[in-house]
PDB file of all heavy atoms in Angstrom:
ATOM      1  N   ALA A   1     110.367 116.703 104.577  1.00  0.00           N
ATOM      2  CA  ALA A   1     110.011 117.728 103.584  1.00  0.00           C
ATOM      3  C   ALA A   1     110.117 119.102 104.213  1.00  0.00           C
ATOM      4  O   ALA A   1     109.321 120.009 103.959  1.00  0.00           O
ATOM      5  CB  ALA A   1     108.591 117.485 103.057  1.00  0.00           C
ATOM      6  N   ALA A   2     111.134 119.264 105.060  1.00  0.00           N
ATOM      7  CA  ALA A   2     111.422 120.520 105.743  1.00  0.00           C
ATOM      8  C   ALA A   2     112.619 121.185 105.075  1.00  0.00           C
ATOM      9  O   ALA A   2     113.352 120.532 104.314  1.00  0.00           O
ATOM     10  CB  ALA A   2     111.681 120.251 107.217  1.00  0.00           C
ATOM     11  N   PRO A   3     112.892 122.469 105.338  1.00  0.00           N
ATOM     12  CA  PRO A   3     114.090 123.111 104.806  1.00  0.00           C
ATOM     13  C   PRO A   3     115.344 122.304 105.124  1.00  0.00           C
ATOM     14  O   PRO A   3     115.452 121.708 106.206  1.00  0.00           O
ATOM     15  CB  PRO A   3     114.102 124.468 105.509  1.00  0.00           C
ATOM     16  CG  PRO A   3     112.649 124.763 105.766  1.00  0.00           C
ATOM     17  CD  PRO A   3     112.044 123.416 106.099  1.00  0.00           C
ATOM     18  N   VAL A   4     116.319 122.297 104.192  1.00  0.00           N
ATOM     19  CA  VAL A   4     117.452 121.386 104.320  1.00  0.00           C
ATOM     20  C   VAL A   4     118.276 121.652 105.597  1.00  0.00           C
ATOM     21  O   VAL A   4     118.900 120.726 106.112  1.00  0.00           O
ATOM     22  CB  VAL A   4     118.354 121.445 103.081  1.00  0.00           C
ATOM     23  CG1 VAL A   4     117.671 120.812 101.901  1.00  0.00           C
ATOM     24  CG2 VAL A   4     118.789 122.887 102.764  1.00  0.00           C
ATOM     25  N   ALA A   5     118.267 122.867 106.096  1.00  0.00           N
ATOM     26  CA  ALA A   5     119.013 123.160 107.322  1.00  0.00           C
ATOM     27  C   ALA A   5     118.465 122.422 108.531  1.00  0.00           C
ATOM     28  O   ALA A   5     119.143 122.254 109.545  1.00  0.00           O
ATOM     29  CB  ALA A   5     119.041 124.659 107.613  1.00  0.00           C
ATOM     30  N   GLN A   6     117.214 121.959 108.427  1.00  0.00           N
ATOM     31  CA  GLN A   6     116.591 121.224 109.538  1.00  0.00           C
ATOM     32  C   GLN A   6     116.852 119.714 109.467  1.00  0.00           C
ATOM     33  O   GLN A   6     116.459 118.981 110.375  1.00  0.00           O
ATOM     34  CB  GLN A   6     115.093 121.475 109.537  1.00  0.00           C
ATOM     35  CG  GLN A   6     114.685 122.918 109.778  1.00  0.00           C
ATOM     36  CD  GLN A   6     113.182 123.096 109.718  1.00  0.00           C
ATOM     37  OE1 GLN A   6     112.415 122.203 110.089  1.00  0.00           O
ATOM     38  NE2 GLN A   6     112.737 124.240 109.249  1.00  0.00           N
ATOM     39  N   THR A   7     117.528 119.281 108.415  1.00  0.00           N
ATOM     40  CA  THR A   7     117.701 117.848 108.206  1.00  0.00           C
ATOM     41  C   THR A   7     118.394 117.169 109.379  1.00  0.00           C
ATOM     42  O   THR A   7     117.932 116.163 109.916  1.00  0.00           O
ATOM     43  CB  THR A   7     118.502 117.577 106.920  1.00  0.00           C
ATOM     44  OG1 THR A   7     117.767 118.109 105.809  1.00  0.00           O
ATOM     45  CG2 THR A   7     118.715 116.086 106.719  1.00  0.00           C
ATOM     46  N   GLU A   8     119.531 117.703 109.782  1.00  0.00           N
ATOM     47  CA  GLU A   8     120.307 117.052 110.834  1.00  0.00           C
ATOM     48  C   GLU A   8     119.585 117.014 112.170  1.00  0.00           C
ATOM     49  O   GLU A   8     119.514 115.933 112.794  1.00  0.00           O
ATOM     50  CB  GLU A   8     121.681 117.693 110.982  1.00  0.00           C
ATOM     51  CG  GLU A   8     122.605 116.901 111.882  1.00  0.00           C
ATOM     52  CD  GLU A   8     124.058 117.298 111.725  1.00  0.00           C
ATOM     53  OE1 GLU A   8     124.420 117.982 110.749  1.00  0.00           O
ATOM     54  OE2 GLU A   8     124.860 116.873 112.588  1.00  0.00           O
ATOM     55  N   PRO A   9     119.025 118.125 112.644  1.00  0.00           N
ATOM     56  CA  PRO A   9     118.291 118.039 113.927  1.00  0.00           C
ATOM     57  C   PRO A   9     117.088 117.110 113.877  1.00  0.00           C
ATOM     58  O   PRO A   9     116.793 116.418 114.855  1.00  0.00           O
ATOM     59  CB  PRO A   9     117.880 119.489 114.223  1.00  0.00           C
ATOM     60  CG  PRO A   9     118.122 120.250 112.987  1.00  0.00           C
ATOM     61  CD  PRO A   9     119.167 119.540 112.219  1.00  0.00           C
ATOM     62  N   ILE A  10     116.402 117.077 112.747  1.00  0.00           N
ATOM     63  CA  ILE A  10     115.254 116.149 112.642  1.00  0.00           C
ATOM     64  C   ILE A  10     115.734 114.703 112.681  1.00  0.00           C
ATOM     65  O   ILE A  10     115.176 113.869 113.424  1.00  0.00           O
ATOM     66  CB  ILE A  10     114.454 116.402 111.352  1.00  0.00           C
ATOM     67  CG1 ILE A  10     113.733 117.755 111.429  1.00  0.00           C
ATOM     68  CG2 ILE A  10     113.442 115.285 111.125  1.00  0.00           C
ATOM     69  CD1 ILE A  10     113.023 118.141 110.159  1.00  0.00           C
ATOM     70  N   LEU A  11     116.780 114.388 111.917  1.00  0.00           N
ATOM     71  CA  LEU A  11     117.292 113.016 111.903  1.00  0.00           C
ATOM     72  C   LEU A  11     117.849 112.628 113.272  1.00  0.00           C
ATOM     73  O   LEU A  11     117.713 111.474 113.703  1.00  0.00           O
ATOM     74  CB  LEU A  11     118.354 112.850 110.828  1.00  0.00           C
ATOM     75  CG  LEU A  11     117.844 112.855 109.386  1.00  0.00           C
ATOM     76  CD1 LEU A  11     119.016 112.795 108.416  1.00  0.00           C
ATOM     77  CD2 LEU A  11     116.874 111.722 109.136  1.00  0.00           C
ATOM     78  N   ALA A  12     118.471 113.581 113.964  1.00  0.00           N
ATOM     79  CA  ALA A  12     118.993 113.291 115.293  1.00  0.00           C
ATOM     80  C   ALA A  12     117.861 112.970 116.277  1.00  0.00           C
ATOM     81  O   ALA A  12     117.996 112.087 117.132  1.00  0.00           O
ATOM     82  CB  ALA A  12     119.802 114.477 115.805  1.00  0.00           C
ATOM     83  N   ALA A  13     116.727 113.645 116.102  1.00  0.00           N
ATOM     84  CA  ALA A  13     115.568 113.368 116.947  1.00  0.00           C
ATOM     85  C   ALA A  13     114.926 112.023 116.587  1.00  0.00           C
ATOM     86  O   ALA A  13     114.401 111.317 117.449  1.00  0.00           O
ATOM     87  CB  ALA A  13     114.542 114.493 116.811  1.00  0.00           C
ATOM     88  N   ILE A  14     114.986 111.657 115.317  1.00  0.00           N
ATOM     89  CA  ILE A  14     114.424 110.402 114.848  1.00  0.00           C
ATOM     90  C   ILE A  14     115.257 109.217 115.297  1.00  0.00           C
ATOM     91  O   ILE A  14     114.727 108.152 115.678  1.00  0.00           O
ATOM     92  CB  ILE A  14     114.305 110.409 113.321  1.00  0.00           C
ATOM     93  CG1 ILE A  14     113.176 111.327 112.852  1.00  0.00           C
ATOM     94  CG2 ILE A  14     114.085 108.999 112.766  1.00  0.00           C
ATOM     95  CD1 ILE A  14     113.127 111.501 111.348  1.00  0.00           C
ATOM     96  N   ALA A  15     116.562 109.362 115.245  1.00  0.00           N
ATOM     97  CA  ALA A  15     117.493 108.234 115.374  1.00  0.00           C
ATOM     98  C   ALA A  15     117.228 107.284 116.544  1.00  0.00           C
ATOM     99  O   ALA A  15     117.205 106.053 116.356  1.00  0.00           O
ATOM    100  CB  ALA A  15     118.924 108.747 115.449  1.00  0.00           C
ATOM    101  N   PRO A  16     116.979 107.790 117.766  1.00  0.00           N
ATOM    102  CA  PRO A  16     116.780 106.858 118.878  1.00  0.00           C
ATOM    103  C   PRO A  16     115.532 105.989 118.741  1.00  0.00           C
ATOM    104  O   PRO A  16     115.428 104.934 119.366  1.00  0.00           O
ATOM    105  CB  PRO A  16     116.665 107.784 120.094  1.00  0.00           C
ATOM    106  CG  PRO A  16     117.252 109.084 119.674  1.00  0.00           C
ATOM    107  CD  PRO A  16     116.963 109.189 118.204  1.00  0.00           C
ATOM    108  N   HIS A  17     114.582 106.447 117.921  1.00  0.00           N
ATOM    109  CA  HIS A  17     113.294 105.761 117.790  1.00  0.00           C
ATOM    110  C   HIS A  17     113.137 105.040 116.450  1.00  0.00           C
ATOM    111  O   HIS A  17     112.101 104.465 116.175  1.00  0.00           O
ATOM    112  CB  HIS A  17     112.148 106.764 117.946  1.00  0.00           C
ATOM    113  CG  HIS A  17     112.298 107.645 119.149  1.00  0.00           C
ATOM    114  ND1 HIS A  17     112.124 107.183 120.428  1.00  0.00           N
ATOM    115  CD2 HIS A  17     112.618 108.964 119.250  1.00  0.00           C
ATOM    116  CE1 HIS A  17     112.323 108.181 121.275  1.00  0.00           C
ATOM    117  NE2 HIS A  17     112.622 109.266 120.595  1.00  0.00           N
ATOM    118  N   LEU A  18     114.179 105.074 115.625  1.00  0.00           N
ATOM    119  CA  LEU A  18     114.108 104.513 114.279  1.00  0.00           C
ATOM    120  C   LEU A  18     114.215 102.995 114.341  1.00  0.00           C
ATOM    121  O   LEU A  18     115.238 102.441 114.735  1.00  0.00           O
ATOM    122  CB  LEU A  18     115.208 105.099 113.399  1.00  0.00           C
ATOM    123  CG  LEU A  18     115.207 104.712 111.924  1.00  0.00           C
ATOM    124  CD1 LEU A  18     113.897 105.082 111.260  1.00  0.00           C
ATOM    125  CD2 LEU A  18     116.383 105.376 111.222  1.00  0.00           C
ATOM    126  N   GLN A  19     113.143 102.316 113.932  1.00  0.00           N
ATOM    127  CA  GLN A  19     113.095 100.869 113.964  1.00  0.00           C
ATOM    128  C   GLN A  19     113.729 100.284 112.708  1.00  0.00           C
ATOM    129  O   GLN A  19     113.759 100.928 111.650  1.00  0.00           O
ATOM    130  CB  GLN A  19     111.636 100.404 114.113  1.00  0.00           C
ATOM    131  CG  GLN A  19     110.972 100.898 115.393  1.00  0.00           C
ATOM    132  CD  GLN A  19     109.496 100.517 115.471  1.00  0.00           C
ATOM    133  OE1 GLN A  19     108.911 100.029 114.514  1.00  0.00           O
ATOM    134  NE2 GLN A  19     108.891 100.729 116.631  1.00  0.00           N
ATOM    135  N   PRO A  20     114.202  99.032 112.788  1.00  0.00           N
ATOM    136  CA  PRO A  20     114.904  98.428 111.651  1.00  0.00           C
ATOM    137  C   PRO A  20     114.082  98.367 110.355  1.00  0.00           C
ATOM    138  O   PRO A  20     114.626  98.452 109.263  1.00  0.00           O
ATOM    139  CB  PRO A  20     115.227  97.015 112.144  1.00  0.00           C
ATOM    140  CG  PRO A  20     115.290  97.162 113.632  1.00  0.00           C
ATOM    141  CD  PRO A  20     114.246  98.183 113.985  1.00  0.00           C
ATOM    142  N   GLY A  21     112.780  98.269 110.456  1.00  0.00           N
ATOM    143  CA  GLY A  21     111.951  98.123 109.263  1.00  0.00           C
ATOM    144  C   GLY A  21     111.534  99.432 108.610  1.00  0.00           C
ATOM    145  O   GLY A  21     110.812  99.430 107.622  1.00  0.00           O
ATOM    146  N   THR A  22     111.992 100.560 109.140  1.00  0.00           N
ATOM    147  CA  THR A  22     111.570 101.852 108.625  1.00  0.00           C
ATOM    148  C   THR A  22     112.634 102.450 107.693  1.00  0.00           C
ATOM    149  O   THR A  22     113.815 102.418 108.016  1.00  0.00           O
ATOM    150  CB  THR A  22     111.326 102.841 109.787  1.00  0.00           C
ATOM    151  OG1 THR A  22     110.326 102.323 110.657  1.00  0.00           O
ATOM    152  CG2 THR A  22     110.877 104.197 109.256  1.00  0.00           C
ATOM    153  N   VAL A  23     112.182 102.974 106.563  1.00  0.00           N
ATOM    154  CA  VAL A  23     113.068 103.646 105.615  1.00  0.00           C
ATOM    155  C   VAL A  23     112.791 105.154 105.703  1.00  0.00           C
ATOM    156  O   VAL A  23     111.645 105.580 105.742  1.00  0.00           O
ATOM    157  CB  VAL A  23     112.846 103.144 104.178  1.00  0.00           C
ATOM    158  CG1 VAL A  23     113.746 103.899 103.198  1.00  0.00           C
ATOM    159  CG2 VAL A  23     113.084 101.654 104.081  1.00  0.00           C
ATOM    160  N   VAL A  24     113.868 105.926 105.720  1.00  0.00           N
ATOM    161  CA  VAL A  24     113.768 107.386 105.779  1.00  0.00           C
ATOM    162  C   VAL A  24     114.256 107.953 104.457  1.00  0.00           C
ATOM    163  O   VAL A  24     115.276 107.500 103.907  1.00  0.00           O
ATOM    164  CB  VAL A  24     114.602 107.965 106.934  1.00  0.00           C
ATOM    165  CG1 VAL A  24     114.421 109.478 107.027  1.00  0.00           C
ATOM    166  CG2 VAL A  24     114.224 107.293 108.275  1.00  0.00           C
ATOM    167  N   THR A  25     113.555 108.947 103.940  1.00  0.00           N
ATOM    168  CA  THR A  25     114.000 109.663 102.744  1.00  0.00           C
ATOM    169  C   THR A  25     113.771 111.144 102.947  1.00  0.00           C
ATOM    170  O   THR A  25     113.242 111.556 103.984  1.00  0.00           O
ATOM    171  CB  THR A  25     113.288 109.138 101.494  1.00  0.00           C
ATOM    172  OG1 THR A  25     113.876 109.704 100.315  1.00  0.00           O
ATOM    173  CG2 THR A  25     111.799 109.493 101.518  1.00  0.00           C
ATOM    174  N   ASP A  26     114.169 111.940 101.977  1.00  0.00           N
ATOM    175  CA  ASP A  26     113.987 113.374 102.106  1.00  0.00           C
ATOM    176  C   ASP A  26     113.598 113.959 100.752  1.00  0.00           C
ATOM    177  O   ASP A  26     113.593 113.254  99.744  1.00  0.00           O
ATOM    178  CB  ASP A  26     115.246 114.059 102.652  1.00  0.00           C
ATOM    179  CG  ASP A  26     116.313 114.241 101.575  1.00  0.00           C
ATOM    180  OD1 ASP A  26     116.668 113.219 100.935  1.00  0.00           O
ATOM    181  OD2 ASP A  26     116.795 115.371 101.381  1.00  0.00           O
ATOM    182  N   ALA A  27     113.258 115.248 100.765  1.00  0.00           N
ATOM    183  CA  ALA A  27     112.861 115.937  99.520  1.00  0.00           C
ATOM    184  C   ALA A  27     113.736 117.164  99.316  1.00  0.00           C
ATOM    185  O   ALA A  27     113.341 118.090  98.611  1.00  0.00           O
ATOM    186  CB  ALA A  27     111.383 116.325  99.599  1.00  0.00           C
ATOM    187  N   GLY A  28     114.912 117.182  99.922  1.00  0.00           N
ATOM    188  CA  GLY A  28     115.764 118.349  99.865  1.00  0.00           C
ATOM    189  C   GLY A  28     116.338 118.621  98.487  1.00  0.00           C
ATOM    190  O   GLY A  28     116.635 117.681  97.722  1.00  0.00           O
TER     191      GLY A  28
END
């Protein structure tokens, strides 16, 4: 729920720790 320009850096930070059972969504 951050400004859309932050989407890619946030997802890049998440990616290494994202477990198979977790779903990611956004509010952009």
